[in-house]
């Protein structure tokens, strides 16, 4: 029997569809530099959704690094690298201009992920980039991102679209199991996985991987509710199956 492996699939959930609608809305801003905001608790699929969007539609994706809090220059150099600037300057002003030049030459949305790591005053740099280039900048983070954006009236007034990623749904889990490991998961099993996950993708993916391990070790056996409970309990306690 052929060994089951986990395929790298991307499930188009309701969150993903809402993200696409948000991006369509931002594209209608008529070159008026603006912000979009995507927020939720961790594990709801924001980063993966953004990365797939960028790979399919072009864009600049930047994951904020905590070390950048120490230096405007390091922050700007990180933006330059993500924007494809080949010769990145070593001065703040020149680095800022290099980003502007790159984005004007090849206009595309900029996505900044894990905004809670960013030094608050750096958002003025982003506002300047949006104003000069006329491009949308999409900020992504956890729930505190909302109050972070609302603190500054100039930033909040430029926030044209906002989207909260909700918990994943049972149907999403069933589709992911089918497409990633070829498992026709029953709704009862999917409901158990959904309840255990708390609506987050990471525990679901871990469970699906463990199901694939079980199926490889026990060819022909079905994933029942009993087996699912054993897999979920093993994941929670750290015991090997």
Protein backbone atom coordinates (compact mmCIF):
# COMPACT_ATOMS: atom_id res chain seq x y z
CA UNK A 1 0.00 0.00 0.00
CA UNK A 2 1.31 3.43 -0.95
CA UNK A 3 2.49 5.53 1.97
CA UNK A 4 0.25 8.47 2.83
CA UNK A 5 2.01 11.84 2.84
CA UNK A 6 0.71 15.28 3.70
CA UNK A 7 0.20 17.38 0.56
CA UNK A 8 0.68 21.16 0.86
CA UNK A 9 -2.88 22.25 0.10
CA UNK A 10 -4.59 25.59 0.61
CA UNK A 11 -8.27 25.51 1.57
CA UNK A 12 -10.36 28.46 0.41
CA UNK A 13 -12.29 29.10 3.62
CA UNK A 14 -14.79 31.86 4.31
CA UNK A 15 -11.90 33.87 5.78
CA UNK A 16 -9.98 33.53 2.52
CA UNK A 17 -12.98 34.58 0.46
CA UNK A 18 -13.51 37.61 2.70
CA UNK A 19 -9.82 38.47 2.34
CA UNK A 20 -10.16 38.44 -1.46
CA UNK A 21 -13.19 40.73 -1.21
CA UNK A 22 -11.23 43.10 1.03
CA UNK A 23 -8.37 43.24 -1.47
CA UNK A 24 -10.83 43.95 -4.28
CA UNK A 25 -12.18 46.83 -2.21
CA UNK A 26 -8.72 48.28 -1.60
CA UNK A 27 -7.99 48.11 -5.33
CA UNK A 28 -10.79 50.64 -5.87
CA UNK A 29 -9.04 53.31 -3.79
CA UNK A 30 -7.92 55.07 -7.02
CA UNK A 31 -4.25 55.36 -6.10
CA UNK A 32 -5.05 57.01 -2.78
CA UNK A 33 -2.54 55.57 -0.33
CA UNK A 34 -4.54 53.78 2.34
CA UNK A 35 -4.41 51.03 4.94
CA UNK A 36 -6.17 47.72 5.23
CA UNK A 37 -6.29 45.81 8.51
CA UNK A 38 -6.56 42.06 9.13
CA UNK A 39 -6.74 40.85 12.72
CA UNK A 40 -7.63 37.84 14.86
CA UNK A 41 -6.17 35.65 17.52
CA UNK A 42 -3.21 33.54 16.44
CA UNK A 43 -3.74 30.42 14.33
CA UNK A 44 -6.68 31.52 12.19
CA UNK A 45 -4.72 31.44 8.91
CA UNK A 46 -3.95 35.14 8.31
CA UNK A 47 -0.30 34.69 7.40
CA UNK A 48 -0.85 31.72 5.10
CA UNK A 49 -3.73 33.49 3.34
CA UNK A 50 -1.61 36.57 2.76
CA UNK A 51 1.39 34.56 1.53
CA UNK A 52 -0.74 32.66 -0.98
CA UNK A 53 -2.37 35.90 -2.17
CA UNK A 54 1.05 37.50 -2.71
CA UNK A 55 2.34 34.45 -4.60
CA UNK A 56 -0.66 34.51 -6.94
CA UNK A 57 -1.21 38.25 -7.36
CA UNK A 58 2.17 39.86 -6.70
CA UNK A 59 2.83 41.94 -3.65
CA UNK A 60 5.39 42.66 -0.96
CA UNK A 61 5.12 40.51 2.16
CA UNK A 62 7.08 41.47 5.28
CA UNK A 63 7.04 39.65 8.60
CA UNK A 64 7.97 42.17 11.29
CA UNK A 65 11.06 41.20 13.27
CA UNK A 66 11.35 42.16 16.92
CA UNK A 67 14.98 43.15 16.47
CA UNK A 68 13.88 45.98 14.15
CA UNK A 69 12.56 47.89 17.18
CA UNK A 70 16.10 49.06 17.82
CA UNK A 71 16.60 50.83 14.50
CA UNK A 72 14.63 52.65 11.82
CA UNK A 73 17.38 51.71 9.38
CA UNK A 74 17.03 47.97 10.01
CA UNK A 75 13.26 48.26 9.60
CA UNK A 76 13.65 50.12 6.30
CA UNK A 77 16.30 47.68 5.08
CA UNK A 78 13.89 44.84 5.78
CA UNK A 79 11.26 46.57 3.64
CA UNK A 80 13.83 47.10 0.89
CA UNK A 81 14.78 43.44 0.84
CA UNK A 82 11.13 42.34 0.64
CA UNK A 83 10.50 44.87 -2.16
CA UNK A 84 13.35 43.41 -4.21
CA UNK A 85 15.80 46.30 -3.93
CA UNK A 86 19.14 44.89 -5.08
CA UNK A 87 21.58 47.48 -3.71
CA UNK A 88 20.20 48.36 -0.28
CA UNK A 89 21.62 51.64 1.09
CA UNK A 90 23.03 52.06 4.59
CA UNK A 91 21.45 55.43 5.37
CA UNK A 92 17.87 56.02 6.54
CA UNK A 93 16.92 58.64 3.95
CA UNK A 94 18.45 56.74 1.04
CA UNK A 95 16.82 53.49 2.16
CA UNK A 96 13.41 55.15 2.36
CA UNK A 97 13.85 56.56 -1.14
CA UNK A 98 14.92 53.14 -2.43
CA UNK A 99 11.62 51.66 -1.21
CA UNK A 100 9.65 54.48 -2.85
CA UNK A 101 11.50 54.02 -6.14
CA UNK A 102 10.94 50.25 -6.10
CA UNK A 103 7.21 50.57 -5.39
CA UNK A 104 6.66 53.30 -7.99
CA UNK A 105 8.49 51.23 -10.61
CA UNK A 106 6.44 48.13 -9.75
CA UNK A 107 3.22 49.13 -7.94
CA UNK A 108 1.79 46.39 -5.68
CA UNK A 109 0.25 46.15 -2.23
CA UNK A 110 2.50 45.89 0.83
CA UNK A 111 1.61 43.42 3.59
CA UNK A 112 3.13 43.70 7.07
CA UNK A 113 2.54 40.72 9.33
CA UNK A 114 2.81 40.43 13.13
CA UNK A 115 2.36 44.16 13.64
CA UNK A 116 2.39 43.78 17.42
CA UNK A 117 6.20 43.48 17.14
CA UNK A 118 6.57 46.82 15.39
CA UNK A 119 7.62 49.97 17.22
CA UNK A 120 4.53 52.22 17.28
CA UNK A 121 6.20 55.28 15.80
CA UNK A 122 7.32 53.32 12.72
CA UNK A 123 3.75 53.42 11.45
CA UNK A 124 4.39 57.04 10.42
CA UNK A 125 6.99 55.69 7.99
CA UNK A 126 4.34 53.44 6.49
CA UNK A 127 1.92 56.36 6.24
CA UNK A 128 4.53 58.32 4.31
CA UNK A 129 5.10 55.38 1.96
CA UNK A 130 1.37 55.05 1.35
CA UNK A 131 0.98 58.80 0.75
CA UNK A 132 3.91 59.08 -1.67
CA UNK A 133 3.23 55.91 -3.68
CA UNK A 134 -0.57 55.85 -3.52
CA UNK A 135 -0.43 52.12 -2.72
CA UNK A 136 -2.43 50.17 -0.15
CA UNK A 137 -0.58 48.85 2.89
CA UNK A 138 -2.23 45.95 4.71
CA UNK A 139 -1.38 45.57 8.40
CA UNK A 140 -1.88 42.17 10.03
CA UNK A 141 -1.83 41.17 13.68
CA UNK A 142 -3.75 39.97 16.68
CA UNK A 143 -6.72 41.63 18.35
CA UNK A 144 -4.71 44.51 19.84
CA UNK A 145 -4.05 45.77 16.31
CA UNK A 146 -7.46 47.49 16.34
CA UNK A 147 -6.64 49.75 19.29
CA UNK A 148 -3.13 50.23 17.87
CA UNK A 149 -4.62 51.67 14.68
CA UNK A 150 -7.31 53.71 16.42
CA UNK A 151 -4.80 55.58 18.57
CA UNK A 152 -3.76 57.80 15.67
CA UNK A 153 -6.60 59.62 13.90
CA UNK A 154 -4.48 60.11 10.76
CA UNK A 155 -3.86 56.37 10.51
CA UNK A 156 -7.43 55.36 11.33
CA UNK A 157 -8.89 57.77 8.76
CA UNK A 158 -6.74 56.08 6.11
CA UNK A 159 -7.91 52.59 7.08
CA UNK A 160 -10.36 51.83 4.27
CA UNK A 161 -10.92 48.12 4.90
CA UNK A 162 -10.79 45.94 7.99
CA UNK A 163 -11.33 42.21 8.38
CA UNK A 164 -11.42 39.89 11.38
CA UNK A 165 -10.57 36.25 10.70
CA UNK A 166 -13.10 34.02 12.42
CA UNK A 167 -12.61 30.44 13.66
CA UNK A 168 -12.24 27.74 11.02
CA UNK A 169 -15.34 25.63 10.39
CA UNK A 170 -16.05 21.91 10.43
CA UNK A 171 -16.42 21.88 6.64
CA UNK A 172 -12.94 23.42 6.31
CA UNK A 173 -11.45 20.58 8.34
CA UNK A 174 -13.19 17.92 6.26
CA UNK A 175 -12.00 19.50 3.02
CA UNK A 176 -8.44 19.86 4.31
CA UNK A 177 -8.35 16.19 5.39
CA UNK A 178 -9.57 15.04 1.99
CA UNK A 179 -7.19 17.20 -0.05
CA UNK A 180 -4.10 16.83 2.14
CA UNK A 181 -4.10 13.09 2.98
CA UNK A 182 -7.07 11.72 1.01
CA UNK A 183 -9.12 11.05 4.16
CA UNK A 184 -12.90 11.09 3.83
CA UNK A 185 -13.46 12.34 7.35
CA UNK A 186 -16.89 11.83 8.88
CA UNK A 187 -18.70 14.84 10.29
CA UNK A 188 -18.57 13.27 13.77
CA UNK A 189 -14.78 12.95 13.62
CA UNK A 190 -14.45 16.44 12.12
CA UNK A 191 -16.57 17.83 14.94
CA UNK A 192 -14.20 16.30 17.51
CA UNK A 193 -11.18 17.79 15.77
CA UNK A 194 -12.93 21.16 15.47
CA UNK A 195 -13.82 21.26 19.16
CA UNK A 196 -10.28 20.31 20.17
CA UNK A 197 -8.72 22.93 17.89
CA UNK A 198 -10.51 25.95 19.32
CA UNK A 199 -11.03 27.13 15.74
CA UNK A 200 -7.29 27.38 14.95
CA UNK A 201 -5.47 25.77 12.04
CA UNK A 202 -2.28 24.63 13.77
CA UNK A 203 -3.88 21.99 16.05
CA UNK A 204 -5.93 20.77 13.07
CA UNK A 205 -2.84 20.29 10.91
CA UNK A 206 -1.06 18.51 13.76
CA UNK A 207 -4.02 16.16 14.15
CA UNK A 208 -4.21 15.45 10.41
CA UNK A 209 -0.49 14.61 10.39
CA UNK A 210 -0.99 12.21 13.29
CA UNK A 211 -3.93 10.63 11.48
CA UNK A 212 -1.70 10.05 8.46
CA UNK A 213 0.88 8.39 10.72
CA UNK A 214 -1.81 6.13 12.17
CA UNK A 215 -3.14 5.19 8.73
CA UNK A 216 0.37 4.32 7.52
CA UNK A 217 0.98 2.17 10.60
CA UNK A 218 -2.44 0.52 10.40
CA UNK A 219 -3.32 0.01 6.71
CA UNK A 220 -7.00 -0.51 6.08
CA UNK A 221 -8.17 0.73 9.47
CA UNK A 222 -10.65 3.60 9.51
CA UNK A 223 -10.32 6.80 11.48
CA UNK A 224 -13.16 6.36 13.95
CA UNK A 225 -14.22 8.56 16.83
CA UNK A 226 -12.33 6.25 19.19
CA UNK A 227 -9.12 6.50 17.17
CA UNK A 228 -9.57 10.26 16.92
CA UNK A 229 -9.90 10.55 20.68
CA UNK A 230 -6.69 8.55 21.11
CA UNK A 231 -4.86 10.79 18.63
CA UNK A 232 -6.16 13.97 20.25
CA UNK A 233 -5.30 12.73 23.75
CA UNK A 234 -1.79 11.77 22.62
CA UNK A 235 -1.23 15.23 21.16
CA UNK A 236 -2.36 16.92 24.37
CA UNK A 237 -0.26 14.75 26.70
CA UNK A 238 2.75 14.33 24.47
CA UNK A 239 2.52 10.52 24.53
CA UNK A 240 3.53 8.52 21.48
CA UNK A 241 0.81 6.51 19.78
